[in-house]
Amino acid sequence: MVYDAPSMGLYRLREGEIETVMALGPASPREFEETIATGEVLAPLITGVSGGDIALEDGTPALRPVRPGRTAAGRGWIGYTPREAYVVEALTITPLAPAWLMLVLAAGLAVLAWLVEGRRRRGGPAGAALRRG
C-alpha cells in the first residue's frame, strides 16, 4: 500500500482494526545535522537586526531593554525590545489559606518540633547521664 501525503509530518493510518503512526520526512532533519551550537549559522540573521549571540558557558547575560534599531547585544548583556503588546485585564491575589489557619498551623508545627526535640534529648546518652546524677 502506498500513501501519498500532502506534506511532511506525523500521520495515523487505520485499516480495519490495524492502526499505526507514521512519520513522513527526511531521515536526517536539518536540526539534527549540526547539534553543536555555534554562532556561524545565525550570524547572517544576527547582523541584519543588530543582535548578538552569547554562549551560556560564559555566564548568563544580563537583560536590558533597548529601543528598536539600536545595538541589542554587548559584552555580558543581551537586549530586548519592549513591545508593550499585552493587556492586563485583571489581577487577583488569593491567599493559600486564611491568616488564622496559617497562624494555627505555624504554632502547631512549632509545638510539634519542640516536643520531638525534647524527646530526643531525654532519650539520648546525655539525658541518661543527667537522670542518674
N, C-alpha and C. Protein backbone atom coordinates (compact mmCIF):
# COMPACT_ATOMS: atom_id res chain seq x y z
N MET A 1 0.84 -1.18 0.00
CA MET A 1 0.00 0.00 0.00
C MET A 1 0.89 1.24 0.00
N VAL A 2 0.58 2.20 -0.82
CA VAL A 2 1.35 3.44 -0.93
C VAL A 2 0.43 4.59 -0.53
N TYR A 3 0.97 5.47 0.32
CA TYR A 3 0.20 6.63 0.75
C TYR A 3 0.95 7.87 0.32
N ASP A 4 0.33 8.71 -0.47
CA ASP A 4 0.91 9.98 -0.89
C ASP A 4 0.38 11.08 0.03
N ALA A 5 1.23 11.55 0.91
CA ALA A 5 0.82 12.57 1.88
C ALA A 5 0.98 13.95 1.27
N PRO A 6 0.14 14.90 1.65
CA PRO A 6 0.24 16.25 1.11
C PRO A 6 1.47 17.01 1.63
N SER A 7 1.96 16.66 2.82
CA SER A 7 3.13 17.35 3.37
C SER A 7 3.80 16.45 4.41
N MET A 8 4.99 16.89 4.87
CA MET A 8 5.71 16.13 5.89
C MET A 8 4.98 16.26 7.22
N GLY A 9 5.15 15.26 8.06
CA GLY A 9 4.53 15.32 9.37
C GLY A 9 4.25 13.94 9.92
N LEU A 10 3.40 13.89 10.91
CA LEU A 10 3.03 12.66 11.58
C LEU A 10 1.63 12.27 11.13
N TYR A 11 1.48 11.02 10.68
CA TYR A 11 0.19 10.55 10.17
C TYR A 11 -0.23 9.29 10.90
N ARG A 12 -1.52 9.18 11.16
CA ARG A 12 -2.10 7.99 11.77
C ARG A 12 -2.85 7.26 10.67
N LEU A 13 -2.48 5.99 10.44
CA LEU A 13 -3.11 5.18 9.40
C LEU A 13 -3.92 4.07 10.04
N ARG A 14 -5.14 3.86 9.52
CA ARG A 14 -6.01 2.80 10.02
C ARG A 14 -6.56 2.01 8.85
N GLU A 15 -6.62 0.70 9.05
CA GLU A 15 -7.30 -0.18 8.10
C GLU A 15 -7.96 -1.27 8.92
N GLY A 16 -9.25 -1.19 9.06
CA GLY A 16 -9.95 -2.15 9.90
C GLY A 16 -9.56 -1.96 11.35
N GLU A 17 -9.07 -3.05 11.97
CA GLU A 17 -8.64 -2.97 13.37
C GLU A 17 -7.16 -2.64 13.51
N ILE A 18 -6.43 -2.57 12.41
CA ILE A 18 -5.00 -2.29 12.44
C ILE A 18 -4.79 -0.78 12.37
N GLU A 19 -3.95 -0.28 13.27
CA GLU A 19 -3.67 1.16 13.33
C GLU A 19 -2.19 1.36 13.57
N THR A 20 -1.60 2.37 12.94
CA THR A 20 -0.19 2.68 13.15
C THR A 20 0.03 4.17 12.98
N VAL A 21 1.15 4.65 13.46
CA VAL A 21 1.54 6.05 13.30
C VAL A 21 2.80 6.07 12.46
N MET A 22 2.85 6.98 11.49
CA MET A 22 3.97 7.03 10.56
C MET A 22 4.51 8.46 10.51
N ALA A 23 5.82 8.60 10.52
CA ALA A 23 6.46 9.90 10.37
C ALA A 23 6.93 10.03 8.93
N LEU A 24 6.54 11.11 8.28
CA LEU A 24 6.93 11.34 6.90
C LEU A 24 7.84 12.55 6.86
N GLY A 25 9.06 12.36 6.39
CA GLY A 25 10.02 13.44 6.32
C GLY A 25 11.40 12.89 6.06
N PRO A 26 12.40 13.76 6.03
CA PRO A 26 13.76 13.30 5.76
C PRO A 26 14.29 12.43 6.90
N ALA A 27 15.19 11.52 6.57
CA ALA A 27 15.76 10.63 7.59
C ALA A 27 16.63 11.41 8.56
N SER A 28 17.24 12.48 8.09
CA SER A 28 18.08 13.31 8.94
C SER A 28 17.61 14.76 8.82
N PRO A 29 16.66 15.19 9.67
CA PRO A 29 16.18 16.56 9.57
C PRO A 29 17.30 17.57 9.81
N ARG A 30 17.11 18.76 9.30
CA ARG A 30 18.14 19.79 9.36
C ARG A 30 18.58 20.11 10.80
N GLU A 31 17.65 20.07 11.75
CA GLU A 31 18.03 20.40 13.12
C GLU A 31 18.94 19.37 13.76
N PHE A 32 19.05 18.18 13.15
CA PHE A 32 19.95 17.15 13.68
C PHE A 32 21.27 17.08 12.92
N GLU A 33 21.44 17.89 11.88
CA GLU A 33 22.69 17.86 11.11
C GLU A 33 23.84 18.45 11.91
N GLU A 34 23.62 19.59 12.56
CA GLU A 34 24.64 20.23 13.39
C GLU A 34 24.07 20.39 14.79
N THR A 35 24.51 19.54 15.70
CA THR A 35 23.95 19.60 17.05
C THR A 35 24.81 20.40 18.02
N ILE A 36 25.97 20.86 17.59
CA ILE A 36 26.83 21.68 18.44
C ILE A 36 26.54 23.15 18.13
N ALA A 37 26.18 23.90 19.14
CA ALA A 37 25.78 25.29 18.95
C ALA A 37 26.97 26.18 18.63
N THR A 38 26.88 26.90 17.54
CA THR A 38 27.87 27.91 17.17
C THR A 38 27.13 29.12 16.64
N GLY A 39 27.78 30.24 16.61
CA GLY A 39 27.16 31.45 16.09
C GLY A 39 27.24 31.57 14.58
N GLU A 40 27.96 30.67 13.92
CA GLU A 40 28.16 30.79 12.48
C GLU A 40 26.86 30.67 11.69
N VAL A 41 25.98 29.78 12.10
CA VAL A 41 24.73 29.56 11.36
C VAL A 41 23.82 30.79 11.47
N LEU A 42 23.75 31.38 12.65
CA LEU A 42 22.86 32.52 12.85
C LEU A 42 23.49 33.87 12.54
N ALA A 43 24.79 33.89 12.26
CA ALA A 43 25.50 35.16 12.04
C ALA A 43 24.83 36.05 11.00
N PRO A 44 24.42 35.55 9.83
CA PRO A 44 23.78 36.44 8.86
C PRO A 44 22.48 37.06 9.38
N LEU A 45 21.72 36.30 10.15
CA LEU A 45 20.47 36.84 10.70
C LEU A 45 20.73 37.84 11.81
N ILE A 46 21.73 37.57 12.62
CA ILE A 46 22.02 38.42 13.78
C ILE A 46 22.52 39.79 13.34
N THR A 47 23.41 39.83 12.34
CA THR A 47 23.95 41.12 11.91
C THR A 47 22.88 41.96 11.23
N GLY A 48 21.88 41.34 10.65
CA GLY A 48 20.82 42.08 10.00
C GLY A 48 19.90 42.81 10.96
N VAL A 49 19.87 42.41 12.21
CA VAL A 49 18.97 43.03 13.19
C VAL A 49 19.71 43.65 14.37
N SER A 50 21.00 43.85 14.24
CA SER A 50 21.85 44.44 15.30
C SER A 50 21.81 43.61 16.57
N GLY A 51 21.69 42.29 16.44
CA GLY A 51 21.64 41.41 17.60
C GLY A 51 22.99 40.83 17.93
N GLY A 52 23.01 39.79 18.71
CA GLY A 52 24.24 39.14 19.09
C GLY A 52 23.97 37.75 19.61
N ASP A 53 25.02 36.96 19.71
CA ASP A 53 24.89 35.63 20.29
C ASP A 53 25.91 35.50 21.40
N ILE A 54 25.46 34.94 22.51
CA ILE A 54 26.31 34.81 23.69
C ILE A 54 26.24 33.36 24.15
N ALA A 55 27.40 32.75 24.36
CA ALA A 55 27.44 31.37 24.85
C ALA A 55 27.12 31.38 26.34
N LEU A 56 26.22 30.52 26.76
CA LEU A 56 25.85 30.47 28.18
C LEU A 56 26.96 29.92 29.06
N GLU A 57 27.94 29.27 28.45
CA GLU A 57 29.07 28.79 29.26
C GLU A 57 29.88 29.96 29.80
N ASP A 58 29.72 31.15 29.22
CA ASP A 58 30.40 32.34 29.71
C ASP A 58 29.62 33.02 30.83
N GLY A 59 28.49 32.46 31.22
CA GLY A 59 27.65 33.04 32.25
C GLY A 59 26.36 33.57 31.64
N THR A 60 25.34 33.67 32.45
CA THR A 60 24.06 34.17 31.97
C THR A 60 24.16 35.66 31.71
N PRO A 61 23.78 36.11 30.51
CA PRO A 61 23.88 37.54 30.21
C PRO A 61 22.81 38.34 30.94
N ALA A 62 23.11 39.59 31.21
CA ALA A 62 22.12 40.49 31.79
C ALA A 62 21.15 40.91 30.68
N LEU A 63 19.90 41.08 31.04
CA LEU A 63 18.89 41.52 30.06
C LEU A 63 18.69 43.02 30.19
N ARG A 64 18.69 43.71 29.04
CA ARG A 64 18.48 45.15 29.03
C ARG A 64 17.44 45.52 27.98
N PRO A 65 16.54 46.41 28.29
CA PRO A 65 15.62 46.88 27.25
C PRO A 65 16.36 47.83 26.31
N VAL A 66 16.14 47.70 25.01
CA VAL A 66 16.75 48.59 24.02
C VAL A 66 15.67 49.11 23.08
N ARG A 67 15.93 50.26 22.49
CA ARG A 67 14.98 50.82 21.53
C ARG A 67 15.15 50.14 20.18
N PRO A 68 14.11 50.09 19.37
CA PRO A 68 14.22 49.47 18.04
C PRO A 68 15.33 50.12 17.22
N GLY A 69 16.12 49.29 16.54
CA GLY A 69 17.20 49.79 15.70
C GLY A 69 18.52 49.97 16.42
N ARG A 70 18.54 49.90 17.74
CA ARG A 70 19.78 50.06 18.50
C ARG A 70 20.49 48.73 18.63
N THR A 71 21.76 48.75 18.98
CA THR A 71 22.52 47.52 19.20
C THR A 71 21.86 46.74 20.33
N ALA A 72 21.66 45.44 20.09
CA ALA A 72 20.91 44.63 21.05
C ALA A 72 21.77 43.60 21.75
N ALA A 73 23.09 43.78 21.76
CA ALA A 73 23.96 42.84 22.48
C ALA A 73 25.29 43.52 22.74
N GLY A 74 25.95 43.07 23.78
CA GLY A 74 27.26 43.58 24.13
C GLY A 74 27.96 42.58 25.03
N ARG A 75 29.06 42.99 25.61
CA ARG A 75 29.82 42.09 26.47
C ARG A 75 29.05 41.85 27.77
N GLY A 76 28.56 40.62 27.92
CA GLY A 76 27.85 40.24 29.14
C GLY A 76 26.40 40.66 29.21
N TRP A 77 25.85 41.22 28.13
CA TRP A 77 24.44 41.60 28.15
C TRP A 77 23.82 41.33 26.79
N ILE A 78 22.51 41.18 26.81
CA ILE A 78 21.75 40.99 25.58
C ILE A 78 20.47 41.81 25.73
N GLY A 79 20.05 42.43 24.65
CA GLY A 79 18.92 43.34 24.73
C GLY A 79 17.64 42.77 24.17
N TYR A 80 16.54 43.35 24.58
CA TYR A 80 15.23 43.01 24.04
C TYR A 80 14.48 44.32 23.82
N THR A 81 13.59 44.30 22.85
CA THR A 81 12.80 45.48 22.54
C THR A 81 11.44 45.35 23.21
N PRO A 82 11.15 46.18 24.21
CA PRO A 82 9.83 46.10 24.85
C PRO A 82 8.75 46.49 23.85
N ARG A 83 7.79 45.65 23.66
CA ARG A 83 6.73 45.90 22.68
C ARG A 83 5.43 46.37 23.34
N GLU A 84 5.31 46.16 24.65
CA GLU A 84 4.08 46.51 25.37
C GLU A 84 2.87 45.89 24.68
N ALA A 85 3.03 44.70 24.13
CA ALA A 85 1.96 44.03 23.38
C ALA A 85 1.18 43.09 24.28
N TYR A 86 0.67 43.62 25.37
CA TYR A 86 -0.12 42.80 26.28
C TYR A 86 -1.14 43.70 26.96
N VAL A 87 -2.16 43.10 27.47
CA VAL A 87 -3.19 43.82 28.20
C VAL A 87 -3.48 43.03 29.47
N VAL A 88 -3.33 43.67 30.63
CA VAL A 88 -3.68 43.03 31.89
C VAL A 88 -5.12 43.42 32.19
N GLU A 89 -6.00 42.45 32.14
CA GLU A 89 -7.41 42.73 32.34
C GLU A 89 -7.80 42.67 33.81
N ALA A 90 -7.12 41.82 34.58
CA ALA A 90 -7.45 41.70 36.00
C ALA A 90 -6.29 41.02 36.71
N LEU A 91 -6.15 41.33 37.97
CA LEU A 91 -5.13 40.70 38.80
C LEU A 91 -5.82 40.30 40.10
N THR A 92 -5.77 39.02 40.40
CA THR A 92 -6.42 38.52 41.60
C THR A 92 -5.38 37.85 42.48
N ILE A 93 -5.27 38.29 43.71
CA ILE A 93 -4.35 37.67 44.66
C ILE A 93 -5.19 36.95 45.70
N THR A 94 -5.02 35.65 45.77
CA THR A 94 -5.79 34.83 46.70
C THR A 94 -4.84 34.13 47.66
N PRO A 95 -5.04 34.28 48.96
CA PRO A 95 -4.17 33.59 49.91
C PRO A 95 -4.38 32.08 49.86
N LEU A 96 -3.35 31.35 50.20
CA LEU A 96 -3.41 29.89 50.23
C LEU A 96 -4.45 29.42 51.25
N ALA A 97 -4.48 30.07 52.38
CA ALA A 97 -5.44 29.75 53.44
C ALA A 97 -5.67 31.02 54.24
N PRO A 98 -6.74 31.07 55.04
CA PRO A 98 -6.97 32.26 55.88
C PRO A 98 -5.80 32.47 56.85
N ALA A 99 -5.59 33.71 57.24
CA ALA A 99 -4.46 34.04 58.12
C ALA A 99 -4.53 33.29 59.44
N TRP A 100 -5.72 33.16 60.03
CA TRP A 100 -5.84 32.46 61.31
C TRP A 100 -5.44 31.00 61.19
N LEU A 101 -5.76 30.36 60.05
CA LEU A 101 -5.39 28.96 59.86
C LEU A 101 -3.87 28.82 59.70
N MET A 102 -3.26 29.74 59.00
CA MET A 102 -1.80 29.70 58.85
C MET A 102 -1.11 29.90 60.20
N LEU A 103 -1.66 30.78 61.04
CA LEU A 103 -1.11 31.01 62.38
C LEU A 103 -1.23 29.76 63.24
N VAL A 104 -2.39 29.11 63.22
CA VAL A 104 -2.59 27.87 63.98
C VAL A 104 -1.64 26.78 63.47
N LEU A 105 -1.49 26.67 62.17
CA LEU A 105 -0.59 25.67 61.59
C LEU A 105 0.85 25.93 62.00
N ALA A 106 1.30 27.18 61.95
CA ALA A 106 2.67 27.51 62.34
C ALA A 106 2.89 27.22 63.82
N ALA A 107 1.93 27.58 64.67
CA ALA A 107 2.06 27.31 66.10
C ALA A 107 2.08 25.81 66.37
N GLY A 108 1.22 25.07 65.69
CA GLY A 108 1.20 23.61 65.87
C GLY A 108 2.51 22.97 65.45
N LEU A 109 3.07 23.42 64.34
CA LEU A 109 4.35 22.86 63.90
C LEU A 109 5.47 23.21 64.87
N ALA A 110 5.43 24.43 65.43
CA ALA A 110 6.45 24.82 66.42
C ALA A 110 6.35 23.94 67.67
N VAL A 111 5.13 23.69 68.15
CA VAL A 111 4.94 22.83 69.33
C VAL A 111 5.39 21.41 69.02
N LEU A 112 5.05 20.90 67.85
CA LEU A 112 5.46 19.56 67.45
C LEU A 112 6.99 19.44 67.40
N ALA A 113 7.64 20.44 66.83
CA ALA A 113 9.11 20.42 66.77
C ALA A 113 9.70 20.45 68.18
N TRP A 114 9.11 21.24 69.07
CA TRP A 114 9.59 21.33 70.45
C TRP A 114 9.44 19.99 71.16
N LEU A 115 8.30 19.31 70.97
CA LEU A 115 8.08 18.01 71.61
C LEU A 115 9.05 16.96 71.08
N VAL A 116 9.24 16.92 69.77
CA VAL A 116 10.17 15.94 69.18
C VAL A 116 11.58 16.20 69.67
N GLU A 117 11.98 17.45 69.71
CA GLU A 117 13.33 17.79 70.17
C GLU A 117 13.49 17.43 71.65
N GLY A 118 12.47 17.64 72.46
CA GLY A 118 12.53 17.29 73.89
C GLY A 118 12.65 15.80 74.11
N ARG A 119 11.95 15.00 73.34
CA ARG A 119 12.05 13.54 73.46
C ARG A 119 13.44 13.06 73.05
N ARG A 120 13.98 13.67 72.06
CA ARG A 120 15.30 13.27 71.58
C ARG A 120 16.36 13.53 72.65
N ARG A 121 16.23 14.64 73.36
CA ARG A 121 17.23 14.98 74.39
C ARG A 121 17.11 14.07 75.61
N ARG A 122 15.91 13.71 76.02
CA ARG A 122 15.72 12.84 77.19
C ARG A 122 16.15 11.42 76.91
N GLY A 123 15.93 10.93 75.70
CA GLY A 123 16.21 9.53 75.40
C GLY A 123 17.66 9.27 75.01
N GLY A 124 18.45 10.29 74.71
CA GLY A 124 19.82 10.09 74.24
C GLY A 124 20.79 9.87 75.38
N PRO A 125 22.08 9.66 75.09
CA PRO A 125 23.09 9.40 76.12
C PRO A 125 23.25 10.56 77.10
N ALA A 126 23.13 11.80 76.63
CA ALA A 126 23.30 12.93 77.54
C ALA A 126 22.15 12.97 78.55
N GLY A 127 20.95 12.66 78.11
CA GLY A 127 19.79 12.65 79.00
C GLY A 127 19.90 11.56 80.05
N ALA A 128 20.44 10.40 79.71
CA ALA A 128 20.60 9.30 80.66
C ALA A 128 21.59 9.69 81.75
N ALA A 129 22.66 10.38 81.42
CA ALA A 129 23.65 10.80 82.42
C ALA A 129 23.04 11.81 83.38
N LEU A 130 22.17 12.68 82.89
CA LEU A 130 21.55 13.67 83.77
C LEU A 130 20.57 13.02 84.73
N ARG A 131 19.86 11.98 84.29
CA ARG A 131 18.88 11.32 85.16
C ARG A 131 19.56 10.56 86.29
N ARG A 132 20.75 9.99 86.03
CA ARG A 132 21.45 9.22 87.06
C ARG A 132 21.99 10.12 88.16
N GLY A 133 22.44 11.27 87.79
CA GLY A 133 23.16 12.09 88.74
C GLY A 133 22.29 13.03 89.42
